Amino acid sequence: MIVIAICVIIHESGHYAAAVWRGVQVHEFAFGMGPGIILKRASNGTLWSWRMLPIGGYVRMEGEEEEPRPGDEPDRTRSFNIKRPWERFVIIAGGAFMNLLLAWLLTVFLLSAHEVANPEPVVGNLIPGRAAVAMGAMPGDRVLSINGRPISKWAEIRNTLQIIGTDEVEIVVRRGDNDITLMGTVPEDEELGVRLWGVEPSRITYPIHKAALMGMKYCWDLSVMQLNGLKDMIIGKIKPDIAGPVGIAVMAGNAARDGFWTFVMFMAIINLCVGIMNLLPLPALDGGRLFFLLYEIISGRKFPEKWENRIHQAGLVMLFVLIAFVTWQDILRIIKR
């Protein structure tokens, strides 16, 4: 519940801030759907509401509805519809932007305040009984090559061991100012079927300026991974695995039990997912509205409003059906466990 609330409120805050910046009248800032539980009218006329069903939220702006609701004081000069296309684009994109921004900030916080696995090929802990101990590896060794193949990233150590085609291994490491050759046998693990040298990566914290850059790289890489995963689900390459509000709540609880930093990482990933998904050009999502705004910006004329509304309404129905189906699947998974 807390995770969903944070994601939704951050998202809608992006719409709200952009609307206020561009002089659009905001009638309501709502978390959830359905009947209102907590309703508070601010001095600027905006109704702040907490609604019964904790699914989604919205920022209701002047010009988005034909008829005003009770308590609204419409100001047609501050309507969303009369703003220039780029201004409407900024307002619609503001929600996803805030989710992506929060994901990046949380990642920067994690990288700068907590030890994380070093992507560089530097040895951390040695696993007792594995080949690395017998070969004389030591914490702090930087792996330079395996059987003559250069190593520049931690992930390349395991990958290279699988493709060399032999158990006889020669690993060159840098220890202090000296390059040392370690020789030995790295057989395949009987259970896993892969060669394991028996080392863990070193752990580091980044200075804030490096954490900022690394945070952008991590968020970009994860976004690409998410989009590739979505593509693979659509084409049937992998089995669909989507979590709804109930599933997210369960995962959030598990992350919280695993510790503060796991929860921070989970929050970053969830906000990244929300930001990316909302930018997809699908009806009823922000990305769908941005698609029509791009059409208007490029062509110089609006897409017929009647048809755009019908497309979004159909998309909204399908979205609610998807949410209901995914929520039911989440409940079934909980029952089976």
C-alpha atoms as a PDB file:
ATOM      1  CA  MET A   1       0.000   0.000   0.000  1.00  0.00           C
ATOM      2  CA  ILE A   2       2.751   2.441   0.961  1.00  0.00           C
ATOM      3  CA  VAL A   3       4.775   1.665  -2.167  1.00  0.00           C
ATOM      4  CA  ILE A   4       1.755   2.095  -4.445  1.00  0.00           C
ATOM      5  CA  ALA A   5       0.798   5.338  -2.682  1.00  0.00           C
ATOM      6  CA  ILE A   6       4.301   6.765  -3.073  1.00  0.00           C
ATOM      7  CA  CYS A   7       4.472   5.849  -6.772  1.00  0.00           C
ATOM      8  CA  VAL A   8       1.036   7.291  -7.522  1.00  0.00           C
ATOM      9  CA  ILE A   9       1.492  10.474  -5.496  1.00  0.00           C
ATOM     10  CA  ILE A  10       4.921  11.115  -7.032  1.00  0.00           C
ATOM     11  CA  HIS A  11       3.476  10.517 -10.510  1.00  0.00           C
ATOM     12  CA  GLU A  12       0.485  12.801 -10.037  1.00  0.00           C
ATOM     13  CA  SER A  13       2.718  15.431  -8.414  1.00  0.00           C
ATOM     14  CA  GLY A  14       4.564  15.637 -11.733  1.00  0.00           C
ATOM     15  CA  HIS A  15       1.326  16.392 -13.577  1.00  0.00           C
ATOM     16  CA  TYR A  16       0.274  18.870 -10.879  1.00  0.00           C
ATOM     17  CA  ALA A  17       3.573  20.769 -10.776  1.00  0.00           C
ATOM     18  CA  ALA A  18       3.734  21.042 -14.570  1.00  0.00           C
ATOM     19  CA  ALA A  19       0.104  22.199 -14.746  1.00  0.00           C
ATOM     20  CA  VAL A  20       0.664  24.897 -12.126  1.00  0.00           C
ATOM     21  CA  TRP A  21       3.886  25.962 -13.886  1.00  0.00           C
ATOM     22  CA  ARG A  22       2.030  26.433 -17.185  1.00  0.00           C
ATOM     23  CA  GLY A  23      -0.888  28.239 -15.539  1.00  0.00           C
ATOM     24  CA  VAL A  24      -3.515  25.479 -15.838  1.00  0.00           C
ATOM     25  CA  GLN A  25      -6.276  25.372 -13.241  1.00  0.00           C
ATOM     26  CA  VAL A  26      -6.243  22.128 -11.215  1.00  0.00           C
ATOM     27  CA  HIS A  27      -9.654  21.214  -9.789  1.00  0.00           C
ATOM     28  CA  GLU A  28      -8.567  18.050  -7.969  1.00  0.00           C
ATOM     29  CA  PHE A  29      -5.505  16.043  -6.945  1.00  0.00           C
ATOM     30  CA  ALA A  30      -6.690  12.519  -6.106  1.00  0.00           C
ATOM     31  CA  PHE A  31      -5.097   9.330  -4.835  1.00  0.00           C
ATOM     32  CA  GLY A  32      -7.195   6.258  -5.563  1.00  0.00           C
ATOM     33  CA  MET A  33     -10.568   5.821  -7.246  1.00  0.00           C
ATOM     34  CA  GLY A  34     -14.188   5.682  -6.138  1.00  0.00           C
ATOM     35  CA  PRO A  35     -15.888   7.517  -3.253  1.00  0.00           C
ATOM     36  CA  GLY A  36     -13.810  10.019  -1.316  1.00  0.00           C
ATOM     37  CA  ILE A  37     -12.583   9.158   2.173  1.00  0.00           C
ATOM     38  CA  ILE A  38     -10.639  12.334   2.925  1.00  0.00           C
ATOM     39  CA  LEU A  39     -11.526  15.542   1.074  1.00  0.00           C
ATOM     40  CA  LYS A  40      -9.804  18.878   1.648  1.00  0.00           C
ATOM     41  CA  ARG A  41     -10.275  22.018  -0.435  1.00  0.00           C
ATOM     42  CA  ALA A  42      -7.142  24.212  -0.536  1.00  0.00           C
ATOM     43  CA  SER A  43      -7.144  28.007  -0.652  1.00  0.00           C
ATOM     44  CA  ASN A  44      -6.300  27.954  -4.379  1.00  0.00           C
ATOM     45  CA  GLY A  45      -9.472  25.960  -5.089  1.00  0.00           C
ATOM     46  CA  THR A  46      -7.825  22.555  -5.623  1.00  0.00           C
ATOM     47  CA  LEU A  47      -9.581  19.627  -3.944  1.00  0.00           C
ATOM     48  CA  TRP A  48      -7.103  17.189  -2.354  1.00  0.00           C
ATOM     49  CA  SER A  49      -8.742  13.774  -2.023  1.00  0.00           C
ATOM     50  CA  TRP A  50      -7.953  10.274  -0.758  1.00  0.00           C
ATOM     51  CA  ARG A  51     -10.369   7.812  -2.329  1.00  0.00           C
ATOM     52  CA  MET A  52     -11.592   4.354  -1.364  1.00  0.00           C
ATOM     53  CA  LEU A  53      -9.907   2.132  -3.961  1.00  0.00           C
ATOM     54  CA  PRO A  54      -6.096   2.482  -3.712  1.00  0.00           C
ATOM     55  CA  ILE A  55      -5.587   1.971  -7.467  1.00  0.00           C
ATOM     56  CA  GLY A  56      -4.064   4.831  -9.411  1.00  0.00           C
ATOM     57  CA  GLY A  57      -4.902   8.483  -9.030  1.00  0.00           C
ATOM     58  CA  TYR A  58      -5.463  11.558 -11.142  1.00  0.00           C
ATOM     59  CA  VAL A  59      -5.049  15.296 -11.488  1.00  0.00           C
ATOM     60  CA  ARG A  60      -8.292  16.785 -12.818  1.00  0.00           C
ATOM     61  CA  MET A  61      -7.664  19.966 -14.793  1.00  0.00           C
ATOM     62  CA  GLU A  62      -9.918  22.631 -16.234  1.00  0.00           C
ATOM     63  CA  GLY A  63     -10.930  21.762 -19.790  1.00  0.00           C
ATOM     64  CA  GLU A  64     -10.739  17.974 -19.402  1.00  0.00           C
ATOM     65  CA  GLU A  65     -14.453  17.562 -18.635  1.00  0.00           C
ATOM     66  CA  GLU A  66     -17.491  19.065 -20.326  1.00  0.00           C
ATOM     67  CA  GLU A  67     -19.392  19.806 -17.107  1.00  0.00           C
ATOM     68  CA  PRO A  68     -17.870  21.136 -13.845  1.00  0.00           C
ATOM     69  CA  ARG A  69     -18.304  19.125 -10.661  1.00  0.00           C
ATOM     70  CA  PRO A  70     -19.789  20.517  -7.443  1.00  0.00           C
ATOM     71  CA  GLY A  71     -17.310  22.875  -5.799  1.00  0.00           C
ATOM     72  CA  ASP A  72     -15.381  23.651  -8.995  1.00  0.00           C
ATOM     73  CA  GLU A  73     -14.939  27.294  -9.968  1.00  0.00           C
ATOM     74  CA  PRO A  74     -14.030  27.049 -13.663  1.00  0.00           C
ATOM     75  CA  ASP A  75     -11.692  29.611 -15.151  1.00  0.00           C
ATOM     76  CA  ARG A  76     -11.769  29.125 -18.930  1.00  0.00           C
ATOM     77  CA  THR A  77      -8.691  31.314 -19.347  1.00  0.00           C
ATOM     78  CA  ARG A  78      -6.691  28.641 -17.478  1.00  0.00           C
ATOM     79  CA  SER A  79      -7.997  25.643 -19.419  1.00  0.00           C
ATOM     80  CA  PHE A  80      -5.687  22.770 -20.333  1.00  0.00           C
ATOM     81  CA  ASN A  81      -7.144  22.654 -23.854  1.00  0.00           C
ATOM     82  CA  ILE A  82      -6.128  26.202 -24.808  1.00  0.00           C
ATOM     83  CA  LYS A  83      -2.471  25.666 -23.955  1.00  0.00           C
ATOM     84  CA  ARG A  84       0.049  25.237 -26.736  1.00  0.00           C
ATOM     85  CA  PRO A  85       0.828  21.634 -27.750  1.00  0.00           C
ATOM     86  CA  TRP A  86       4.295  21.640 -26.165  1.00  0.00           C
ATOM     87  CA  GLU A  87       2.814  22.884 -22.866  1.00  0.00           C
ATOM     88  CA  ARG A  88       0.224  20.094 -22.844  1.00  0.00           C
ATOM     89  CA  PHE A  89       2.996  17.648 -23.724  1.00  0.00           C
ATOM     90  CA  VAL A  90       5.057  18.793 -20.717  1.00  0.00           C
ATOM     91  CA  ILE A  91       2.049  18.471 -18.387  1.00  0.00           C
ATOM     92  CA  ILE A  92       1.207  14.942 -19.561  1.00  0.00           C
ATOM     93  CA  ALA A  93       4.865  13.821 -19.506  1.00  0.00           C
ATOM     94  CA  GLY A  94       5.407  15.300 -16.036  1.00  0.00           C
ATOM     95  CA  GLY A  95       4.061  12.236 -14.230  1.00  0.00           C
ATOM     96  CA  ALA A  96       6.401   9.704 -15.809  1.00  0.00           C
ATOM     97  CA  PHE A  97       9.269  12.171 -15.517  1.00  0.00           C
ATOM     98  CA  MET A  98       8.817  12.347 -11.736  1.00  0.00           C
ATOM     99  CA  ASN A  99       8.782   8.540 -11.401  1.00  0.00           C
ATOM    100  CA  LEU A 100      11.978   8.277 -13.463  1.00  0.00           C
ATOM    101  CA  LEU A 101      13.564  11.093 -11.482  1.00  0.00           C
ATOM    102  CA  LEU A 102      12.749   9.393  -8.170  1.00  0.00           C
ATOM    103  CA  ALA A 103      14.137   6.085  -9.478  1.00  0.00           C
ATOM    104  CA  TRP A 104      17.388   7.829 -10.392  1.00  0.00           C
ATOM    105  CA  LEU A 105      17.628   9.678  -7.052  1.00  0.00           C
ATOM    106  CA  LEU A 106      17.043   6.476  -5.082  1.00  0.00           C
ATOM    107  CA  THR A 107      19.711   4.718  -7.155  1.00  0.00           C
ATOM    108  CA  VAL A 108      22.169   7.543  -6.517  1.00  0.00           C
ATOM    109  CA  PHE A 109      21.384   7.350  -2.793  1.00  0.00           C
ATOM    110  CA  LEU A 110      21.957   3.589  -2.796  1.00  0.00           C
ATOM    111  CA  LEU A 111      25.250   3.804  -4.713  1.00  0.00           C
ATOM    112  CA  SER A 112      26.655   6.646  -2.608  1.00  0.00           C
ATOM    113  CA  ALA A 113      25.533   5.520   0.859  1.00  0.00           C
ATOM    114  CA  HIS A 114      25.663   1.716   0.720  1.00  0.00           C
ATOM    115  CA  GLU A 115      28.223  -0.799  -0.465  1.00  0.00           C
ATOM    116  CA  VAL A 116      27.272  -2.417  -3.753  1.00  0.00           C
ATOM    117  CA  ALA A 117      28.924  -5.024  -5.953  1.00  0.00           C
ATOM    118  CA  ASN A 118      31.853  -3.575  -7.879  1.00  0.00           C
ATOM    119  CA  PRO A 119      31.339  -3.956 -11.660  1.00  0.00           C
ATOM    120  CA  GLU A 120      35.145  -3.905 -12.053  1.00  0.00           C
ATOM    121  CA  PRO A 121      36.870  -7.350 -12.013  1.00  0.00           C
ATOM    122  CA  VAL A 122      38.244  -6.997  -8.476  1.00  0.00           C
ATOM    123  CA  VAL A 123      38.171 -10.037  -6.175  1.00  0.00           C
ATOM    124  CA  GLY A 124      36.307  -9.692  -2.882  1.00  0.00           C
ATOM    125  CA  ASN A 125      35.633 -12.720  -0.695  1.00  0.00           C
ATOM    126  CA  LEU A 126      36.958 -16.173  -1.577  1.00  0.00           C
ATOM    127  CA  ILE A 127      34.577 -19.149  -1.329  1.00  0.00           C
ATOM    128  CA  PRO A 128      36.145 -21.995   0.700  1.00  0.00           C
ATOM    129  CA  GLY A 129      36.730 -25.205  -1.204  1.00  0.00           C
ATOM    130  CA  ARG A 130      36.674 -23.617  -4.643  1.00  0.00           C
ATOM    131  CA  ALA A 131      39.460 -23.355  -7.217  1.00  0.00           C
ATOM    132  CA  ALA A 132      40.336 -19.718  -6.457  1.00  0.00           C
ATOM    133  CA  VAL A 133      41.645 -20.646  -3.000  1.00  0.00           C
ATOM    134  CA  ALA A 134      43.816 -23.475  -4.363  1.00  0.00           C
ATOM    135  CA  MET A 135      45.187 -21.225  -7.111  1.00  0.00           C
ATOM    136  CA  GLY A 136      46.299 -18.585  -4.589  1.00  0.00           C
ATOM    137  CA  ALA A 137      43.865 -15.766  -5.394  1.00  0.00           C
ATOM    138  CA  MET A 138      43.580 -13.015  -2.778  1.00  0.00           C
ATOM    139  CA  PRO A 139      41.001 -10.315  -1.986  1.00  0.00           C
ATOM    140  CA  GLY A 140      41.891  -7.165  -3.903  1.00  0.00           C
ATOM    141  CA  ASP A 141      43.305  -8.989  -6.942  1.00  0.00           C
ATOM    142  CA  ARG A 142      42.242  -7.356 -10.200  1.00  0.00           C
ATOM    143  CA  VAL A 143      41.669  -9.942 -12.941  1.00  0.00           C
ATOM    144  CA  LEU A 144      43.397  -8.941 -16.191  1.00  0.00           C
ATOM    145  CA  SER A 145      42.944 -12.021 -18.371  1.00  0.00           C
ATOM    146  CA  ILE A 146      41.782 -15.643 -18.438  1.00  0.00           C
ATOM    147  CA  ASN A 147      43.659 -17.972 -20.794  1.00  0.00           C
ATOM    148  CA  GLY A 148      44.821 -14.912 -22.723  1.00  0.00           C
ATOM    149  CA  ARG A 149      41.339 -13.373 -23.047  1.00  0.00           C
ATOM    150  CA  PRO A 150      41.302  -9.813 -21.620  1.00  0.00           C
ATOM    151  CA  ILE A 151      38.895  -9.099 -18.769  1.00  0.00           C
ATOM    152  CA  SER A 152      37.524  -5.601 -18.135  1.00  0.00           C
ATOM    153  CA  LYS A 153      34.239  -6.268 -16.266  1.00  0.00           C
ATOM    154  CA  TRP A 154      33.262  -8.576 -13.421  1.00  0.00           C
ATOM    155  CA  ALA A 155      30.594 -10.337 -15.485  1.00  0.00           C
ATOM    156  CA  GLU A 156      33.244 -11.345 -18.028  1.00  0.00           C
ATOM    157  CA  ILE A 157      34.991 -13.610 -15.489  1.00  0.00           C
ATOM    158  CA  ARG A 158      32.167 -16.151 -15.333  1.00  0.00           C
ATOM    159  CA  ASN A 159      31.288 -15.776 -19.029  1.00  0.00           C
ATOM    160  CA  THR A 160      34.878 -16.363 -20.135  1.00  0.00           C
ATOM    161  CA  LEU A 161      35.252 -19.441 -17.945  1.00  0.00           C
ATOM    162  CA  GLN A 162      32.300 -21.010 -19.774  1.00  0.00           C
ATOM    163  CA  ILE A 163      33.660 -20.474 -23.302  1.00  0.00           C
ATOM    164  CA  ILE A 164      37.335 -21.368 -22.945  1.00  0.00           C
ATOM    165  CA  GLY A 165      36.607 -25.060 -23.558  1.00  0.00           C
ATOM    166  CA  THR A 166      39.008 -26.448 -20.958  1.00  0.00           C
ATOM    167  CA  ASP A 167      39.287 -26.955 -17.203  1.00  0.00           C
ATOM    168  CA  GLU A 168      42.942 -25.891 -17.247  1.00  0.00           C
ATOM    169  CA  VAL A 169      42.937 -22.181 -16.478  1.00  0.00           C
ATOM    170  CA  GLU A 170      45.610 -19.491 -16.427  1.00  0.00           C
ATOM    171  CA  ILE A 171      44.444 -16.269 -14.805  1.00  0.00           C
ATOM    172  CA  VAL A 172      46.583 -13.125 -14.732  1.00  0.00           C
ATOM    173  CA  VAL A 173      45.819 -10.737 -11.876  1.00  0.00           C
ATOM    174  CA  ARG A 174      47.265  -7.434 -10.738  1.00  0.00           C
ATOM    175  CA  ARG A 175      48.219  -7.456  -7.056  1.00  0.00           C
ATOM    176  CA  GLY A 176      49.521  -4.098  -5.962  1.00  0.00           C
ATOM    177  CA  ASP A 177      52.093  -3.103  -8.592  1.00  0.00           C
ATOM    178  CA  ASN A 178      52.776  -6.657  -9.792  1.00  0.00           C
ATOM    179  CA  ASP A 179      51.105  -8.866 -12.395  1.00  0.00           C
ATOM    180  CA  ILE A 180      50.822 -12.448 -11.133  1.00  0.00           C
ATOM    181  CA  THR A 181      49.835 -15.570 -13.051  1.00  0.00           C
ATOM    182  CA  LEU A 182      47.574 -18.025 -11.221  1.00  0.00           C
ATOM    183  CA  MET A 183      47.289 -21.514 -12.670  1.00  0.00           C
ATOM    184  CA  GLY A 184      45.000 -24.412 -11.799  1.00  0.00           C
ATOM    185  CA  THR A 185      41.912 -26.397 -12.675  1.00  0.00           C
ATOM    186  CA  VAL A 186      38.384 -24.945 -12.679  1.00  0.00           C
ATOM    187  CA  PRO A 187      36.018 -27.884 -13.316  1.00  0.00           C
ATOM    188  CA  GLU A 188      32.307 -27.597 -13.994  1.00  0.00           C
ATOM    189  CA  ASP A 189      30.053 -27.606 -10.959  1.00  0.00           C
ATOM    190  CA  GLU A 190      28.116 -30.889 -10.973  1.00  0.00           C
ATOM    191  CA  GLU A 191      24.824 -29.323  -9.906  1.00  0.00           C
ATOM    192  CA  LEU A 192      24.958 -26.081 -11.898  1.00  0.00           C
ATOM    193  CA  GLY A 193      26.838 -27.350 -14.940  1.00  0.00           C
ATOM    194  CA  VAL A 194      29.072 -24.246 -15.154  1.00  0.00           C
ATOM    195  CA  ARG A 195      32.644 -23.457 -14.165  1.00  0.00           C
ATOM    196  CA  LEU A 196      32.834 -21.520 -10.917  1.00  0.00           C
ATOM    197  CA  TRP A 197      36.150 -20.001  -9.910  1.00  0.00           C
ATOM    198  CA  GLY A 198      34.888 -19.396  -6.386  1.00  0.00           C
ATOM    199  CA  VAL A 199      35.121 -15.650  -5.812  1.00  0.00           C
ATOM    200  CA  GLU A 200      32.718 -12.844  -4.957  1.00  0.00           C
ATOM    201  CA  PRO A 201      33.026  -9.295  -6.296  1.00  0.00           C
ATOM    202  CA  SER A 202      34.467  -6.598  -4.084  1.00  0.00           C
ATOM    203  CA  ARG A 203      32.022  -4.046  -2.737  1.00  0.00           C
ATOM    204  CA  ILE A 204      32.303  -0.288  -3.050  1.00  0.00           C
ATOM    205  CA  THR A 205      30.481   2.984  -2.435  1.00  0.00           C
ATOM    206  CA  TYR A 206      30.696   5.722  -5.027  1.00  0.00           C
ATOM    207  CA  PRO A 207      31.392   9.426  -4.459  1.00  0.00           C
ATOM    208  CA  ILE A 208      28.251  11.413  -5.190  1.00  0.00           C
ATOM    209  CA  HIS A 209      29.330  12.656  -8.639  1.00  0.00           C
ATOM    210  CA  LYS A 210      30.162   9.120  -9.793  1.00  0.00           C
ATOM    211  CA  ALA A 211      26.992   7.779  -8.180  1.00  0.00           C
ATOM    212  CA  ALA A 212      24.981  10.287 -10.233  1.00  0.00           C
ATOM    213  CA  LEU A 213      26.521   9.038 -13.481  1.00  0.00           C
ATOM    214  CA  MET A 214      26.343   5.368 -12.486  1.00  0.00           C
ATOM    215  CA  GLY A 215      22.715   5.873 -11.438  1.00  0.00           C
ATOM    216  CA  MET A 216      21.825   7.081 -14.928  1.00  0.00           C
ATOM    217  CA  LYS A 217      23.610   4.099 -16.465  1.00  0.00           C
ATOM    218  CA  TYR A 218      21.902   1.615 -14.145  1.00  0.00           C
ATOM    219  CA  CYS A 219      18.466   3.138 -14.837  1.00  0.00           C
ATOM    220  CA  TRP A 220      19.091   3.102 -18.589  1.00  0.00           C
ATOM    221  CA  ASP A 221      20.289  -0.508 -18.577  1.00  0.00           C
ATOM    222  CA  LEU A 222      17.321  -1.634 -16.469  1.00  0.00           C
ATOM    223  CA  SER A 223      14.886   0.261 -18.726  1.00  0.00           C
ATOM    224  CA  VAL A 224      16.282  -1.501 -21.782  1.00  0.00           C
ATOM    225  CA  MET A 225      16.011  -4.830 -19.932  1.00  0.00           C
ATOM    226  CA  GLN A 226      12.358  -4.134 -19.038  1.00  0.00           C
ATOM    227  CA  LEU A 227      11.426  -3.190 -22.607  1.00  0.00           C
ATOM    228  CA  ASN A 228      13.179  -6.282 -23.977  1.00  0.00           C
ATOM    229  CA  GLY A 229      11.326  -8.412 -21.444  1.00  0.00           C
ATOM    230  CA  LEU A 230       8.016  -6.842 -22.455  1.00  0.00           C
ATOM    231  CA  LYS A 231       8.793  -7.481 -26.121  1.00  0.00           C
ATOM    232  CA  ASP A 232       9.648 -11.123 -25.371  1.00  0.00           C
ATOM    233  CA  MET A 233       6.330 -11.555 -23.514  1.00  0.00           C
ATOM    234  CA  ILE A 234       4.370 -10.044 -26.403  1.00  0.00           C
ATOM    235  CA  ILE A 235       5.959 -12.313 -29.014  1.00  0.00           C
ATOM    236  CA  GLY A 236       5.611 -15.354 -26.745  1.00  0.00           C
ATOM    237  CA  LYS A 237       9.306 -15.906 -26.188  1.00  0.00           C
ATOM    238  CA  ILE A 238       8.849 -15.931 -22.409  1.00  0.00           C
ATOM    239  CA  LYS A 239       5.829 -16.591 -20.201  1.00  0.00           C
ATOM    240  CA  PRO A 240       3.948 -13.425 -19.131  1.00  0.00           C
ATOM    241  CA  ASP A 241       4.748 -12.512 -15.530  1.00  0.00           C
ATOM    242  CA  ILE A 242       3.041  -9.287 -14.463  1.00  0.00           C
ATOM    243  CA  ALA A 243       2.271  -8.201 -10.912  1.00  0.00           C
ATOM    244  CA  GLY A 244      -0.731  -6.107  -9.958  1.00  0.00           C
ATOM    245  CA  PRO A 245      -1.379  -4.036  -6.815  1.00  0.00           C
ATOM    246  CA  VAL A 246      -1.636  -7.125  -4.598  1.00  0.00           C
ATOM    247  CA  GLY A 247       1.542  -8.655  -6.021  1.00  0.00           C
ATOM    248  CA  ILE A 248       3.429  -5.386  -5.639  1.00  0.00           C
ATOM    249  CA  ALA A 249       2.281  -5.126  -2.022  1.00  0.00           C
ATOM    250  CA  VAL A 250       3.554  -8.652  -1.317  1.00  0.00           C
ATOM    251  CA  MET A 251       6.910  -7.942  -2.990  1.00  0.00           C
ATOM    252  CA  ALA A 252       7.197  -4.667  -1.086  1.00  0.00           C
ATOM    253  CA  GLY A 253       6.637  -6.514   2.195  1.00  0.00           C
ATOM    254  CA  ASN A 254       9.315  -9.055   1.296  1.00  0.00           C
ATOM    255  CA  ALA A 255      11.737  -6.283   0.342  1.00  0.00           C
ATOM    256  CA  ALA A 256      11.096  -4.459   3.618  1.00  0.00           C
ATOM    257  CA  ARG A 257      11.778  -7.641   5.602  1.00  0.00           C
ATOM    258  CA  ASP A 258      15.075  -8.073   3.729  1.00  0.00           C
ATOM    259  CA  GLY A 259      16.273  -4.712   4.993  1.00  0.00           C
ATOM    260  CA  PHE A 260      16.247  -0.996   4.327  1.00  0.00           C
ATOM    261  CA  TRP A 261      18.581  -1.053   1.321  1.00  0.00           C
ATOM    262  CA  THR A 262      16.653  -3.844  -0.393  1.00  0.00           C
ATOM    263  CA  PHE A 263      13.511  -1.756   0.035  1.00  0.00           C
ATOM    264  CA  VAL A 264      15.250   1.302  -1.437  1.00  0.00           C
ATOM    265  CA  MET A 265      16.318  -0.781  -4.443  1.00  0.00           C
ATOM    266  CA  PHE A 266      12.769  -2.133  -4.805  1.00  0.00           C
ATOM    267  CA  MET A 267      11.319   1.400  -4.709  1.00  0.00           C
ATOM    268  CA  ALA A 268      13.741   2.515  -7.415  1.00  0.00           C
ATOM    269  CA  ILE A 269      12.825  -0.426  -9.663  1.00  0.00           C
ATOM    270  CA  ILE A 270       9.067   0.018  -9.171  1.00  0.00           C
ATOM    271  CA  ASN A 271       9.204   3.745  -9.965  1.00  0.00           C
ATOM    272  CA  LEU A 272      11.315   3.021 -13.016  1.00  0.00           C
ATOM    273  CA  CYS A 273       8.719   0.471 -14.176  1.00  0.00           C
ATOM    274  CA  VAL A 274       5.854   2.914 -13.590  1.00  0.00           C
ATOM    275  CA  GLY A 275       7.663   5.652 -15.511  1.00  0.00           C
ATOM    276  CA  ILE A 276       8.548   3.420 -18.452  1.00  0.00           C
ATOM    277  CA  MET A 277       5.102   1.786 -18.674  1.00  0.00           C
ATOM    278  CA  ASN A 278       3.328   5.141 -18.618  1.00  0.00           C
ATOM    279  CA  LEU A 279       5.363   6.336 -21.589  1.00  0.00           C
ATOM    280  CA  LEU A 280       4.295   3.424 -23.794  1.00  0.00           C
ATOM    281  CA  PRO A 281       2.044   4.726 -26.617  1.00  0.00           C
ATOM    282  CA  LEU A 282      -1.033   2.823 -25.434  1.00  0.00           C
ATOM    283  CA  PRO A 283      -4.592   4.206 -25.087  1.00  0.00           C
ATOM    284  CA  ALA A 284      -5.527   5.485 -21.606  1.00  0.00           C
ATOM    285  CA  LEU A 285      -1.868   5.734 -20.574  1.00  0.00           C
ATOM    286  CA  ASP A 286       0.081   8.980 -20.627  1.00  0.00           C
ATOM    287  CA  GLY A 287       2.079   7.610 -23.540  1.00  0.00           C
ATOM    288  CA  GLY A 288      -1.110   7.311 -25.589  1.00  0.00           C
ATOM    289  CA  ARG A 289      -1.958  10.957 -24.964  1.00  0.00           C
ATOM    290  CA  LEU A 290       1.604  11.981 -25.773  1.00  0.00           C
ATOM    291  CA  PHE A 291       1.311  10.068 -29.061  1.00  0.00           C
ATOM    292  CA  PHE A 292      -1.670  12.224 -30.123  1.00  0.00           C
ATOM    293  CA  LEU A 293       0.126  15.374 -28.986  1.00  0.00           C
ATOM    294  CA  LEU A 294       3.134  14.432 -31.103  1.00  0.00           C
ATOM    295  CA  TYR A 295       0.767  14.009 -34.037  1.00  0.00           C
ATOM    296  CA  GLU A 296      -0.541  17.517 -33.386  1.00  0.00           C
ATOM    297  CA  ILE A 297       2.943  19.017 -33.029  1.00  0.00           C
ATOM    298  CA  ILE A 298       4.193  17.383 -36.226  1.00  0.00           C
ATOM    299  CA  SER A 299       1.094  17.831 -38.405  1.00  0.00           C
ATOM    300  CA  GLY A 300      -0.020  21.190 -37.040  1.00  0.00           C
ATOM    301  CA  ARG A 301      -3.589  20.009 -36.447  1.00  0.00           C
ATOM    302  CA  LYS A 302      -5.374  18.152 -33.683  1.00  0.00           C
ATOM    303  CA  PHE A 303      -6.464  14.546 -34.005  1.00  0.00           C
ATOM    304  CA  PRO A 304     -10.314  14.463 -34.025  1.00  0.00           C
ATOM    305  CA  GLU A 305     -11.232  14.828 -30.351  1.00  0.00           C
ATOM    306  CA  LYS A 306     -14.259  12.535 -30.611  1.00  0.00           C
ATOM    307  CA  TRP A 307     -12.151   9.639 -31.887  1.00  0.00           C
ATOM    308  CA  GLU A 308      -9.305  10.272 -29.491  1.00  0.00           C
ATOM    309  CA  ASN A 309     -11.735  10.147 -26.551  1.00  0.00           C
ATOM    310  CA  ARG A 310     -13.254   6.899 -27.815  1.00  0.00           C
ATOM    311  CA  ILE A 311      -9.819   5.328 -28.197  1.00  0.00           C
ATOM    312  CA  HIS A 312      -8.838   6.324 -24.659  1.00  0.00           C
ATOM    313  CA  GLN A 313     -12.165   5.103 -23.241  1.00  0.00           C
ATOM    314  CA  ALA A 314     -11.690   1.709 -24.888  1.00  0.00           C
ATOM    315  CA  GLY A 315      -8.125   1.601 -23.585  1.00  0.00           C
ATOM    316  CA  LEU A 316      -9.325   2.450 -20.074  1.00  0.00           C
ATOM    317  CA  VAL A 317     -11.801  -0.437 -20.115  1.00  0.00           C
ATOM    318  CA  MET A 318      -9.071  -2.837 -21.252  1.00  0.00           C
ATOM    319  CA  LEU A 319      -6.731  -1.446 -18.587  1.00  0.00           C
ATOM    320  CA  PHE A 320      -9.252  -2.101 -15.800  1.00  0.00           C
ATOM    321  CA  VAL A 321      -9.869  -5.610 -17.139  1.00  0.00           C
ATOM    322  CA  LEU A 322      -6.105  -6.236 -17.143  1.00  0.00           C
ATOM    323  CA  ILE A 323      -5.773  -4.910 -13.580  1.00  0.00           C
ATOM    324  CA  ALA A 324      -8.633  -7.156 -12.418  1.00  0.00           C
ATOM    325  CA  PHE A 325      -7.109 -10.208 -14.145  1.00  0.00           C
ATOM    326  CA  VAL A 326      -3.599  -9.566 -12.798  1.00  0.00           C
ATOM    327  CA  THR A 327      -4.948  -8.925  -9.287  1.00  0.00           C
ATOM    328  CA  TRP A 328      -6.828 -12.243  -9.413  1.00  0.00           C
ATOM    329  CA  GLN A 329      -3.633 -14.013 -10.509  1.00  0.00           C
ATOM    330  CA  ASP A 330      -1.765 -12.365  -7.603  1.00  0.00           C
ATOM    331  CA  ILE A 331      -4.392 -13.632  -5.166  1.00  0.00           C
ATOM    332  CA  LEU A 332      -4.202 -17.160  -6.598  1.00  0.00           C
ATOM    333  CA  ARG A 333      -0.398 -17.146  -6.202  1.00  0.00           C
ATOM    334  CA  ILE A 334      -0.761 -16.110  -2.559  1.00  0.00           C
ATOM    335  CA  ILE A 335      -3.331 -18.860  -1.909  1.00  0.00           C
ATOM    336  CA  LYS A 336      -1.102 -21.517  -3.530  1.00  0.00           C
ATOM    337  CA  ARG A 337       1.826 -20.486  -1.330  1.00  0.00           C
END
